Amino acid sequence: MANSFGSLYIGSSSLRNHQNAINTTANNLANVGTTGHVRQQVLFTDRNYVTFNETTAVSKQQSGLGVYIGDVIHSRDVFLDRSYRTESGRQAFYAATYEATNEVETYFQEMEGQAFQDALEDFWTSFQELYKTPDDSVSQNLVVQKAQLFVSRANAVYSGLQSYQYNINTRKQKKIMQRKDTGLMMMPFASDGTYVYAGNATQYGSVYGNLTVINAKKKTKVTVGCDVSKVWKVKSKVLVSATDAPHGAALYLINPNGKKAKKLSEENVVKVKVKGKYIYFTEATLSLQSRECRCDLNGKNKKVLKDWK
């Protein structure tokens, strides 16, 4: 049996972790009216068991060491989330189509009574009149005037459409990118000239969700899926994490194109520093414990510098 001090430790771990769970509940209540807030739920996990009397013929004897917070998750309905994102994507598609159609319609002026088609019909009618009296100077001048009017209208329409196409391309490259699968808007936050690093905007400002790497030249993209607020260039690879998030985020080492993501941390990381031949980072748990670690620039040879405290 565990001694009395062990029992007190088990009891204190329960009280301490349930206090943190109450803090999470308080945070949920404080953000009831906050737009975009998702209710959080605490998941408890039992600590490792201590085994003794292993020589017992019948069974081993074990004693538990209490409880700790394994994770804090968002309490969401997956079906509703997926349905909302799908319909948001459709709404964005039809909104963009409607906007483009209205813009093109404006250039042709079909709704204002100055239709491009009228200029074409007048040009055709002038030729019919010229066919009847080919030697008549009035008919000849009329053809020239209608031709000039038609060319002028055609140039105006062409210039307008060309300008609108340029605006669309510029908006696509510089401003906002639309994810076809979720309908969410992606904001670019870093680039090395070839690859653009973008993510979904969150309530935490500088923190972006669902990291996506876009090849600006080939117009292809790779979804990494992790949260990110900062990007570090490490030799031929890229280091990403969301250290600006309230509880930090996992630390990943990826190729510049977003492929072959390697997770370096066991817990969320709240501080990262690249110095010399090593990557230094601080891991932290929701129970406010932290430890300092380092690894080489390839993400190998991880070493704990200061253990949990």
C-alpha atoms as a PDB file:
ATOM      1  CA  MET A   1       0.000   0.000   0.000  1.00  0.00           C
ATOM      2  CA  ALA A   2       1.058   3.545  -0.608  1.00  0.00           C
ATOM      3  CA  ASN A   3       2.240   5.369   2.457  1.00  0.00           C
ATOM      4  CA  SER A   4       0.414   8.360   3.894  1.00  0.00           C
ATOM      5  CA  PHE A   5       2.584  10.865   2.051  1.00  0.00           C
ATOM      6  CA  GLY A   6       1.822   9.102  -1.229  1.00  0.00           C
ATOM      7  CA  SER A   7      -1.887   9.344  -0.473  1.00  0.00           C
ATOM      8  CA  LEU A   8      -1.531  13.041   0.271  1.00  0.00           C
ATOM      9  CA  TYR A   9       0.262  13.530  -3.067  1.00  0.00           C
ATOM     10  CA  ILE A  10      -2.505  11.721  -4.908  1.00  0.00           C
ATOM     11  CA  GLY A  11      -5.101  13.895  -3.194  1.00  0.00           C
ATOM     12  CA  SER A  12      -3.172  17.093  -3.915  1.00  0.00           C
ATOM     13  CA  SER A  13      -2.814  16.185  -7.603  1.00  0.00           C
ATOM     14  CA  SER A  14      -6.566  15.759  -7.796  1.00  0.00           C
ATOM     15  CA  LEU A  15      -7.244  19.110  -6.135  1.00  0.00           C
ATOM     16  CA  ARG A  16      -4.642  20.945  -8.212  1.00  0.00           C
ATOM     17  CA  ASN A  17      -5.817  19.589 -11.544  1.00  0.00           C
ATOM     18  CA  HIS A  18      -9.487  20.052 -10.774  1.00  0.00           C
ATOM     19  CA  GLN A  19      -8.683  23.649  -9.870  1.00  0.00           C
ATOM     20  CA  ASN A  20      -7.220  24.072 -13.356  1.00  0.00           C
ATOM     21  CA  ALA A  21     -10.372  22.475 -14.774  1.00  0.00           C
ATOM     22  CA  ILE A  22     -12.470  25.019 -12.854  1.00  0.00           C
ATOM     23  CA  ASN A  23     -10.315  27.784 -14.362  1.00  0.00           C
ATOM     24  CA  THR A  24     -11.124  26.415 -17.816  1.00  0.00           C
ATOM     25  CA  THR A  25     -14.834  26.448 -16.947  1.00  0.00           C
ATOM     26  CA  ALA A  26     -14.499  30.038 -15.740  1.00  0.00           C
ATOM     27  CA  ASN A  27     -12.858  30.964 -19.033  1.00  0.00           C
ATOM     28  CA  ASN A  28     -15.799  29.399 -20.891  1.00  0.00           C
ATOM     29  CA  LEU A  29     -18.288  31.412 -18.839  1.00  0.00           C
ATOM     30  CA  ALA A  30     -16.319  34.639 -19.330  1.00  0.00           C
ATOM     31  CA  ASN A  31     -16.405  34.181 -23.111  1.00  0.00           C
ATOM     32  CA  VAL A  32     -20.067  33.254 -23.511  1.00  0.00           C
ATOM     33  CA  GLY A  33     -20.661  36.410 -25.557  1.00  0.00           C
ATOM     34  CA  THR A  34     -17.312  36.370 -27.383  1.00  0.00           C
ATOM     35  CA  THR A  35     -17.645  35.936 -31.134  1.00  0.00           C
ATOM     36  CA  GLY A  36     -15.696  32.927 -32.396  1.00  0.00           C
ATOM     37  CA  HIS A  37     -15.040  31.429 -28.949  1.00  0.00           C
ATOM     38  CA  VAL A  38     -15.377  27.641 -28.749  1.00  0.00           C
ATOM     39  CA  ARG A  39     -16.137  25.999 -25.431  1.00  0.00           C
ATOM     40  CA  GLN A  40     -13.146  24.134 -23.986  1.00  0.00           C
ATOM     41  CA  GLN A  41     -13.264  20.788 -22.225  1.00  0.00           C
ATOM     42  CA  VAL A  42     -10.615  19.276 -19.925  1.00  0.00           C
ATOM     43  CA  LEU A  43      -9.571  15.644 -20.385  1.00  0.00           C
ATOM     44  CA  PHE A  44      -8.045  14.005 -17.317  1.00  0.00           C
ATOM     45  CA  THR A  45      -5.448  11.229 -17.578  1.00  0.00           C
ATOM     46  CA  ASP A  46      -4.154   8.939 -14.838  1.00  0.00           C
ATOM     47  CA  ARG A  47      -0.451   9.011 -14.036  1.00  0.00           C
ATOM     48  CA  ASN A  48       1.810   5.985 -14.377  1.00  0.00           C
ATOM     49  CA  TYR A  49       1.312   3.207 -11.871  1.00  0.00           C
ATOM     50  CA  VAL A  50       3.993   1.978  -9.460  1.00  0.00           C
ATOM     51  CA  THR A  51       4.415  -1.798  -9.561  1.00  0.00           C
ATOM     52  CA  PHE A  52       5.705  -3.786  -6.609  1.00  0.00           C
ATOM     53  CA  ASN A  53       5.676  -7.398  -5.388  1.00  0.00           C
ATOM     54  CA  GLU A  54       6.395  -8.596  -8.918  1.00  0.00           C
ATOM     55  CA  THR A  55       7.270 -12.029  -7.580  1.00  0.00           C
ATOM     56  CA  THR A  56       3.708 -12.631  -6.457  1.00  0.00           C
ATOM     57  CA  ALA A  57       2.435 -15.831  -8.025  1.00  0.00           C
ATOM     58  CA  VAL A  58      -1.118 -14.639  -8.560  1.00  0.00           C
ATOM     59  CA  SER A  59      -0.755 -11.056  -9.807  1.00  0.00           C
ATOM     60  CA  LYS A  60       1.376  -7.941  -9.533  1.00  0.00           C
ATOM     61  CA  GLN A  61       0.435  -5.215  -7.088  1.00  0.00           C
ATOM     62  CA  GLN A  62       0.199  -1.665  -8.360  1.00  0.00           C
ATOM     63  CA  SER A  63      -0.405   1.736  -6.821  1.00  0.00           C
ATOM     64  CA  GLY A  64      -1.618   4.796  -8.722  1.00  0.00           C
ATOM     65  CA  LEU A  65       0.079   8.191  -8.591  1.00  0.00           C
ATOM     66  CA  GLY A  66      -2.907  10.435  -9.109  1.00  0.00           C
ATOM     67  CA  VAL A  67      -4.223  12.360 -12.085  1.00  0.00           C
ATOM     68  CA  TYR A  68      -3.108  15.092 -14.467  1.00  0.00           C
ATOM     69  CA  ILE A  69      -4.643  17.096 -17.301  1.00  0.00           C
ATOM     70  CA  GLY A  70      -3.910  15.208 -20.498  1.00  0.00           C
ATOM     71  CA  ASP A  71      -5.381  17.741 -22.891  1.00  0.00           C
ATOM     72  CA  VAL A  72      -7.832  20.596 -23.312  1.00  0.00           C
ATOM     73  CA  ILE A  73     -10.005  20.149 -26.384  1.00  0.00           C
ATOM     74  CA  HIS A  74     -12.633  22.212 -28.170  1.00  0.00           C
ATOM     75  CA  SER A  75     -16.135  20.920 -27.602  1.00  0.00           C
ATOM     76  CA  ARG A  76     -17.383  20.970 -31.178  1.00  0.00           C
ATOM     77  CA  ASP A  77     -19.872  19.117 -33.354  1.00  0.00           C
ATOM     78  CA  VAL A  78     -17.814  17.687 -36.233  1.00  0.00           C
ATOM     79  CA  PHE A  79     -20.860  17.290 -38.486  1.00  0.00           C
ATOM     80  CA  LEU A  80     -21.984  20.902 -37.978  1.00  0.00           C
ATOM     81  CA  ASP A  81     -18.419  22.177 -38.459  1.00  0.00           C
ATOM     82  CA  ARG A  82     -18.042  20.303 -41.729  1.00  0.00           C
ATOM     83  CA  SER A  83     -21.472  21.390 -42.960  1.00  0.00           C
ATOM     84  CA  TYR A  84     -20.810  25.025 -42.094  1.00  0.00           C
ATOM     85  CA  ARG A  85     -17.443  25.063 -43.867  1.00  0.00           C
ATOM     86  CA  THR A  86     -18.870  23.351 -46.944  1.00  0.00           C
ATOM     87  CA  GLU A  87     -21.762  25.797 -47.228  1.00  0.00           C
ATOM     88  CA  SER A  88     -19.484  28.764 -46.502  1.00  0.00           C
ATOM     89  CA  GLY A  89     -17.312  27.654 -49.393  1.00  0.00           C
ATOM     90  CA  ARG A  90     -20.332  27.466 -51.684  1.00  0.00           C
ATOM     91  CA  GLN A  91     -21.547  30.872 -50.554  1.00  0.00           C
ATOM     92  CA  ALA A  92     -18.125  32.384 -51.227  1.00  0.00           C
ATOM     93  CA  PHE A  93     -18.028  30.769 -54.688  1.00  0.00           C
ATOM     94  CA  TYR A  94     -21.442  32.089 -55.722  1.00  0.00           C
ATOM     95  CA  ALA A  95     -20.710  35.514 -54.205  1.00  0.00           C
ATOM     96  CA  ALA A  96     -17.517  35.763 -56.280  1.00  0.00           C
ATOM     97  CA  THR A  97     -19.393  34.590 -59.400  1.00  0.00           C
ATOM     98  CA  TYR A  98     -22.125  37.175 -58.829  1.00  0.00           C
ATOM     99  CA  GLU A  99     -19.552  39.933 -58.352  1.00  0.00           C
ATOM    100  CA  ALA A 100     -17.681  38.982 -61.532  1.00  0.00           C
ATOM    101  CA  THR A 101     -20.906  38.759 -63.570  1.00  0.00           C
ATOM    102  CA  ASN A 102     -22.047  42.197 -62.394  1.00  0.00           C
ATOM    103  CA  GLU A 103     -18.658  43.683 -63.233  1.00  0.00           C
ATOM    104  CA  VAL A 104     -18.631  42.213 -66.756  1.00  0.00           C
ATOM    105  CA  GLU A 105     -22.223  43.337 -67.266  1.00  0.00           C
ATOM    106  CA  THR A 106     -21.189  46.883 -66.360  1.00  0.00           C
ATOM    107  CA  TYR A 107     -18.534  46.938 -69.077  1.00  0.00           C
ATOM    108  CA  PHE A 108     -21.011  45.825 -71.724  1.00  0.00           C
ATOM    109  CA  GLN A 109     -23.598  48.328 -70.377  1.00  0.00           C
ATOM    110  CA  GLU A 110     -26.492  46.031 -71.142  1.00  0.00           C
ATOM    111  CA  MET A 111     -28.629  47.429 -68.322  1.00  0.00           C
ATOM    112  CA  GLU A 112     -28.117  51.148 -69.050  1.00  0.00           C
ATOM    113  CA  GLY A 113     -29.466  51.174 -72.608  1.00  0.00           C
ATOM    114  CA  GLN A 114     -26.033  51.683 -74.203  1.00  0.00           C
ATOM    115  CA  ALA A 115     -25.501  48.093 -75.149  1.00  0.00           C
ATOM    116  CA  PHE A 116     -22.423  46.903 -76.972  1.00  0.00           C
ATOM    117  CA  GLN A 117     -24.827  44.945 -79.126  1.00  0.00           C
ATOM    118  CA  ASP A 118     -26.456  48.206 -80.307  1.00  0.00           C
ATOM    119  CA  ALA A 119     -23.128  49.428 -81.670  1.00  0.00           C
ATOM    120  CA  LEU A 120     -22.640  46.145 -83.512  1.00  0.00           C
ATOM    121  CA  GLU A 121     -26.165  46.244 -84.972  1.00  0.00           C
ATOM    122  CA  ASP A 122     -25.759  49.868 -86.114  1.00  0.00           C
ATOM    123  CA  PHE A 123     -22.498  48.934 -87.806  1.00  0.00           C
ATOM    124  CA  TRP A 124     -24.223  46.076 -89.624  1.00  0.00           C
ATOM    125  CA  THR A 125     -27.183  48.283 -90.614  1.00  0.00           C
ATOM    126  CA  SER A 126     -24.840  50.911 -92.133  1.00  0.00           C
ATOM    127  CA  PHE A 127     -23.365  48.236 -94.408  1.00  0.00           C
ATOM    128  CA  GLN A 128     -26.849  47.251 -95.528  1.00  0.00           C
ATOM    129  CA  GLU A 129     -27.554  50.869 -96.474  1.00  0.00           C
ATOM    130  CA  LEU A 130     -24.238  51.085 -98.301  1.00  0.00           C
ATOM    131  CA  TYR A 131     -25.159  47.935-100.236  1.00  0.00           C
ATOM    132  CA  LYS A 132     -28.268  49.675-101.584  1.00  0.00           C
ATOM    133  CA  THR A 133     -26.423  52.834-102.717  1.00  0.00           C
ATOM    134  CA  PRO A 134     -22.681  52.082-102.863  1.00  0.00           C
ATOM    135  CA  ASP A 135     -21.899  55.381-104.622  1.00  0.00           C
ATOM    136  CA  ASP A 136     -23.720  57.536-102.084  1.00  0.00           C
ATOM    137  CA  SER A 137     -21.227  59.546-100.004  1.00  0.00           C
ATOM    138  CA  VAL A 138     -23.705  59.810 -97.127  1.00  0.00           C
ATOM    139  CA  SER A 139     -23.894  56.002 -96.851  1.00  0.00           C
ATOM    140  CA  GLN A 140     -20.127  55.780 -97.061  1.00  0.00           C
ATOM    141  CA  ASN A 141     -19.636  58.334 -94.281  1.00  0.00           C
ATOM    142  CA  LEU A 142     -22.260  56.548 -92.181  1.00  0.00           C
ATOM    143  CA  VAL A 143     -20.301  53.275 -92.447  1.00  0.00           C
ATOM    144  CA  VAL A 144     -17.118  55.073 -91.380  1.00  0.00           C
ATOM    145  CA  GLN A 145     -18.860  56.721 -88.401  1.00  0.00           C
ATOM    146  CA  LYS A 146     -20.515  53.475 -87.222  1.00  0.00           C
ATOM    147  CA  ALA A 147     -17.238  51.612 -87.662  1.00  0.00           C
ATOM    148  CA  GLN A 148     -15.413  54.182 -85.530  1.00  0.00           C
ATOM    149  CA  LEU A 149     -18.160  53.982 -82.888  1.00  0.00           C
ATOM    150  CA  PHE A 150     -18.018  50.167 -82.857  1.00  0.00           C
ATOM    151  CA  VAL A 151     -14.203  50.128 -82.583  1.00  0.00           C
ATOM    152  CA  SER A 152     -14.376  52.688 -79.771  1.00  0.00           C
ATOM    153  CA  ARG A 153     -16.935  50.602 -77.864  1.00  0.00           C
ATOM    154  CA  ALA A 154     -14.945  47.406 -78.459  1.00  0.00           C
ATOM    155  CA  ASN A 155     -11.716  49.007 -77.192  1.00  0.00           C
ATOM    156  CA  ALA A 156     -13.499  50.298 -74.098  1.00  0.00           C
ATOM    157  CA  VAL A 157     -14.913  46.859 -73.324  1.00  0.00           C
ATOM    158  CA  TYR A 158     -11.543  45.179 -73.934  1.00  0.00           C
ATOM    159  CA  SER A 159      -9.696  47.650 -71.702  1.00  0.00           C
ATOM    160  CA  GLY A 160     -12.265  47.259 -68.946  1.00  0.00           C
ATOM    161  CA  LEU A 161     -12.156  43.460 -69.006  1.00  0.00           C
ATOM    162  CA  GLN A 162      -8.365  43.451 -69.137  1.00  0.00           C
ATOM    163  CA  SER A 163      -8.209  45.788 -66.129  1.00  0.00           C
ATOM    164  CA  TYR A 164     -10.678  43.650 -64.193  1.00  0.00           C
ATOM    165  CA  GLN A 165      -8.662  40.505 -64.945  1.00  0.00           C
ATOM    166  CA  TYR A 166      -5.526  42.210 -63.646  1.00  0.00           C
ATOM    167  CA  ASN A 167      -7.344  43.221 -60.451  1.00  0.00           C
ATOM    168  CA  ILE A 168      -8.505  39.652 -59.895  1.00  0.00           C
ATOM    169  CA  ASN A 169      -4.984  38.270 -60.380  1.00  0.00           C
ATOM    170  CA  THR A 170      -3.494  40.895 -58.068  1.00  0.00           C
ATOM    171  CA  ARG A 171      -6.077  40.200 -55.400  1.00  0.00           C
ATOM    172  CA  LYS A 172      -5.381  36.474 -55.630  1.00  0.00           C
ATOM    173  CA  GLN A 173      -1.641  36.917 -55.255  1.00  0.00           C
ATOM    174  CA  LYS A 174      -1.442  39.678 -52.642  1.00  0.00           C
ATOM    175  CA  LYS A 175      -4.533  39.704 -50.519  1.00  0.00           C
ATOM    176  CA  ILE A 176      -6.659  36.675 -49.733  1.00  0.00           C
ATOM    177  CA  MET A 177      -6.699  33.056 -50.862  1.00  0.00           C
ATOM    178  CA  GLN A 178      -9.812  30.895 -50.784  1.00  0.00           C
ATOM    179  CA  ARG A 179      -9.655  27.289 -49.643  1.00  0.00           C
ATOM    180  CA  LYS A 180     -11.913  25.206 -51.877  1.00  0.00           C
ATOM    181  CA  ASP A 181     -12.285  22.401 -49.340  1.00  0.00           C
ATOM    182  CA  THR A 182     -13.370  24.441 -46.290  1.00  0.00           C
ATOM    183  CA  GLY A 183     -14.405  27.824 -47.672  1.00  0.00           C
ATOM    184  CA  LEU A 184     -12.297  29.564 -45.016  1.00  0.00           C
ATOM    185  CA  MET A 185     -10.144  32.559 -45.901  1.00  0.00           C
ATOM    186  CA  MET A 186      -6.368  32.166 -45.703  1.00  0.00           C
ATOM    187  CA  MET A 187      -4.089  35.054 -44.817  1.00  0.00           C
ATOM    188  CA  PRO A 188      -0.440  35.031 -45.960  1.00  0.00           C
ATOM    189  CA  PHE A 189       2.012  35.954 -43.170  1.00  0.00           C
ATOM    190  CA  ALA A 190       5.459  34.922 -44.483  1.00  0.00           C
ATOM    191  CA  SER A 191       7.226  34.245 -47.782  1.00  0.00           C
ATOM    192  CA  ASP A 192      10.708  33.396 -49.061  1.00  0.00           C
ATOM    193  CA  GLY A 193       9.979  34.455 -52.644  1.00  0.00           C
ATOM    194  CA  THR A 194       8.994  31.000 -53.844  1.00  0.00           C
ATOM    195  CA  TYR A 195       6.791  29.682 -51.051  1.00  0.00           C
ATOM    196  CA  VAL A 196       4.030  31.622 -49.301  1.00  0.00           C
ATOM    197  CA  TYR A 197       3.085  30.534 -45.767  1.00  0.00           C
ATOM    198  CA  ALA A 198      -0.581  31.163 -45.013  1.00  0.00           C
ATOM    199  CA  GLY A 199      -3.216  30.127 -42.506  1.00  0.00           C
ATOM    200  CA  ASN A 200      -6.745  30.741 -41.299  1.00  0.00           C
ATOM    201  CA  ALA A 201      -7.186  33.855 -39.170  1.00  0.00           C
ATOM    202  CA  THR A 202      -7.992  33.153 -35.489  1.00  0.00           C
ATOM    203  CA  GLN A 203      -9.221  35.140 -32.488  1.00  0.00           C
ATOM    204  CA  TYR A 204      -5.619  35.443 -31.262  1.00  0.00           C
ATOM    205  CA  GLY A 205      -4.532  37.939 -33.922  1.00  0.00           C
ATOM    206  CA  SER A 206      -1.006  36.915 -34.918  1.00  0.00           C
ATOM    207  CA  VAL A 207      -1.805  33.194 -34.554  1.00  0.00           C
ATOM    208  CA  TYR A 208      -2.964  31.373 -37.685  1.00  0.00           C
ATOM    209  CA  GLY A 209      -4.553  27.947 -37.905  1.00  0.00           C
ATOM    210  CA  ASN A 210      -4.238  25.147 -40.442  1.00  0.00           C
ATOM    211  CA  LEU A 211      -0.837  26.127 -41.900  1.00  0.00           C
ATOM    212  CA  THR A 212      -0.758  25.890 -45.706  1.00  0.00           C
ATOM    213  CA  VAL A 213       2.366  26.285 -47.866  1.00  0.00           C
ATOM    214  CA  ILE A 214       1.712  27.696 -51.348  1.00  0.00           C
ATOM    215  CA  ASN A 215       4.133  27.489 -54.252  1.00  0.00           C
ATOM    216  CA  ALA A 216       3.669  30.920 -55.852  1.00  0.00           C
ATOM    217  CA  LYS A 217       5.305  29.864 -59.122  1.00  0.00           C
ATOM    218  CA  LYS A 218       3.600  26.509 -59.698  1.00  0.00           C
ATOM    219  CA  LYS A 219       0.367  27.598 -57.955  1.00  0.00           C
ATOM    220  CA  THR A 220       0.249  24.416 -55.866  1.00  0.00           C
ATOM    221  CA  LYS A 221      -0.259  24.092 -52.122  1.00  0.00           C
ATOM    222  CA  VAL A 222       0.431  21.647 -49.301  1.00  0.00           C
ATOM    223  CA  THR A 223      -1.613  21.668 -46.087  1.00  0.00           C
ATOM    224  CA  VAL A 224       0.475  21.062 -42.967  1.00  0.00           C
ATOM    225  CA  GLY A 225      -2.477  21.575 -40.628  1.00  0.00           C
ATOM    226  CA  CYS A 226      -0.732  22.894 -37.511  1.00  0.00           C
ATOM    227  CA  ASP A 227      -1.166  26.250 -35.743  1.00  0.00           C
ATOM    228  CA  VAL A 228       1.565  28.799 -36.434  1.00  0.00           C
ATOM    229  CA  SER A 229       2.556  32.344 -35.511  1.00  0.00           C
ATOM    230  CA  LYS A 230       6.259  32.367 -36.409  1.00  0.00           C
ATOM    231  CA  VAL A 231       8.520  30.828 -39.042  1.00  0.00           C
ATOM    232  CA  TRP A 232      12.277  30.317 -38.642  1.00  0.00           C
ATOM    233  CA  LYS A 233      14.675  29.463 -41.463  1.00  0.00           C
ATOM    234  CA  VAL A 234      16.891  26.564 -40.308  1.00  0.00           C
ATOM    235  CA  LYS A 235      19.478  25.466 -42.896  1.00  0.00           C
ATOM    236  CA  SER A 236      17.441  23.967 -45.746  1.00  0.00           C
ATOM    237  CA  LYS A 237      14.311  23.529 -43.637  1.00  0.00           C
ATOM    238  CA  VAL A 238      11.686  25.672 -41.909  1.00  0.00           C
ATOM    239  CA  LEU A 239      10.774  25.682 -38.220  1.00  0.00           C
ATOM    240  CA  VAL A 240       7.146  26.564 -37.367  1.00  0.00           C
ATOM    241  CA  SER A 241       5.172  26.983 -34.150  1.00  0.00           C
ATOM    242  CA  ALA A 242       2.494  29.168 -32.569  1.00  0.00           C
ATOM    243  CA  THR A 243       4.402  30.497 -29.559  1.00  0.00           C
ATOM    244  CA  ASP A 244       2.110  33.559 -29.507  1.00  0.00           C
ATOM    245  CA  ALA A 245      -0.900  31.382 -28.653  1.00  0.00           C
ATOM    246  CA  PRO A 246      -2.056  31.487 -24.996  1.00  0.00           C
ATOM    247  CA  HIS A 247      -0.852  27.932 -24.310  1.00  0.00           C
ATOM    248  CA  GLY A 248       1.727  27.695 -27.102  1.00  0.00           C
ATOM    249  CA  ALA A 249       1.623  24.987 -29.771  1.00  0.00           C
ATOM    250  CA  ALA A 250       3.583  22.011 -31.052  1.00  0.00           C
ATOM    251  CA  LEU A 251       6.948  22.650 -32.743  1.00  0.00           C
ATOM    252  CA  TYR A 252       7.429  21.286 -36.269  1.00  0.00           C
ATOM    253  CA  LEU A 253      10.383  21.099 -38.655  1.00  0.00           C
ATOM    254  CA  ILE A 254       9.213  20.974 -42.288  1.00  0.00           C
ATOM    255  CA  ASN A 255      10.622  21.242 -45.780  1.00  0.00           C
ATOM    256  CA  PRO A 256      10.161  24.692 -47.381  1.00  0.00           C
ATOM    257  CA  ASN A 257       7.433  23.186 -49.603  1.00  0.00           C
ATOM    258  CA  GLY A 258       5.459  22.022 -46.544  1.00  0.00           C
ATOM    259  CA  LYS A 259       6.163  18.309 -46.945  1.00  0.00           C
ATOM    260  CA  LYS A 260       7.683  15.866 -44.442  1.00  0.00           C
ATOM    261  CA  ALA A 261       6.606  17.635 -41.259  1.00  0.00           C
ATOM    262  CA  LYS A 262       8.490  16.372 -38.195  1.00  0.00           C
ATOM    263  CA  LYS A 263       7.165  17.064 -34.696  1.00  0.00           C
ATOM    264  CA  LEU A 264       9.995  18.021 -32.334  1.00  0.00           C
ATOM    265  CA  SER A 265       8.101  18.616 -29.076  1.00  0.00           C
ATOM    266  CA  GLU A 266       6.088  16.320 -26.826  1.00  0.00           C
ATOM    267  CA  GLU A 267       4.121  19.204 -25.298  1.00  0.00           C
ATOM    268  CA  ASN A 268       3.183  22.681 -26.477  1.00  0.00           C
ATOM    269  CA  VAL A 269       6.116  25.040 -26.991  1.00  0.00           C
ATOM    270  CA  VAL A 270       6.021  28.598 -25.614  1.00  0.00           C
ATOM    271  CA  LYS A 271       9.541  29.763 -26.508  1.00  0.00           C
ATOM    272  CA  VAL A 272      11.910  29.003 -29.405  1.00  0.00           C
ATOM    273  CA  LYS A 273      15.444  30.163 -30.140  1.00  0.00           C
ATOM    274  CA  VAL A 274      17.804  29.091 -32.924  1.00  0.00           C
ATOM    275  CA  LYS A 275      21.442  29.584 -31.961  1.00  0.00           C
ATOM    276  CA  GLY A 276      24.525  28.069 -33.532  1.00  0.00           C
ATOM    277  CA  LYS A 277      24.064  24.390 -34.257  1.00  0.00           C
ATOM    278  CA  TYR A 278      21.052  23.916 -31.997  1.00  0.00           C
ATOM    279  CA  ILE A 279      17.358  24.683 -31.647  1.00  0.00           C
ATOM    280  CA  TYR A 280      16.432  25.636 -28.088  1.00  0.00           C
ATOM    281  CA  PHE A 281      12.785  25.436 -27.014  1.00  0.00           C
ATOM    282  CA  THR A 282      10.699  25.488 -23.837  1.00  0.00           C
ATOM    283  CA  GLU A 283       7.830  23.037 -23.448  1.00  0.00           C
ATOM    284  CA  ALA A 284       4.932  23.779 -21.091  1.00  0.00           C
ATOM    285  CA  THR A 285       1.879  21.907 -19.834  1.00  0.00           C
ATOM    286  CA  LEU A 286      -1.538  23.219 -18.859  1.00  0.00           C
ATOM    287  CA  SER A 287      -0.656  22.523 -15.227  1.00  0.00           C
ATOM    288  CA  LEU A 288       2.038  25.244 -15.523  1.00  0.00           C
ATOM    289  CA  GLN A 289       4.989  22.847 -15.556  1.00  0.00           C
ATOM    290  CA  SER A 290       7.813  23.552 -18.014  1.00  0.00           C
ATOM    291  CA  ARG A 291      11.114  22.160 -19.190  1.00  0.00           C
ATOM    292  CA  GLU A 292      13.895  23.354 -21.481  1.00  0.00           C
ATOM    293  CA  CYS A 293      15.138  21.220 -24.366  1.00  0.00           C
ATOM    294  CA  ARG A 294      17.402  21.404 -27.362  1.00  0.00           C
ATOM    295  CA  CYS A 295      18.023  19.444 -30.572  1.00  0.00           C
ATOM    296  CA  ASP A 296      20.245  19.825 -33.592  1.00  0.00           C
ATOM    297  CA  LEU A 297      19.215  21.709 -36.739  1.00  0.00           C
ATOM    298  CA  ASN A 298      17.945  18.465 -38.295  1.00  0.00           C
ATOM    299  CA  GLY A 299      15.566  17.855 -35.390  1.00  0.00           C
ATOM    300  CA  LYS A 300      17.634  14.976 -33.994  1.00  0.00           C
ATOM    301  CA  ASN A 301      19.570  14.308 -30.779  1.00  0.00           C
ATOM    302  CA  LYS A 302      16.983  15.897 -28.510  1.00  0.00           C
ATOM    303  CA  LYS A 303      18.286  16.612 -25.017  1.00  0.00           C
ATOM    304  CA  VAL A 304      16.510  17.862 -21.898  1.00  0.00           C
ATOM    305  CA  LEU A 305      18.480  20.742 -20.382  1.00  0.00           C
ATOM    306  CA  LYS A 306      16.155  21.453 -17.438  1.00  0.00           C
ATOM    307  CA  ASP A 307      13.548  18.871 -16.457  1.00  0.00           C
ATOM    308  CA  TRP A 308       9.938  19.515 -15.487  1.00  0.00           C
ATOM    309  CA  LYS A 309       9.426  21.939 -12.647  1.00  0.00           C
END
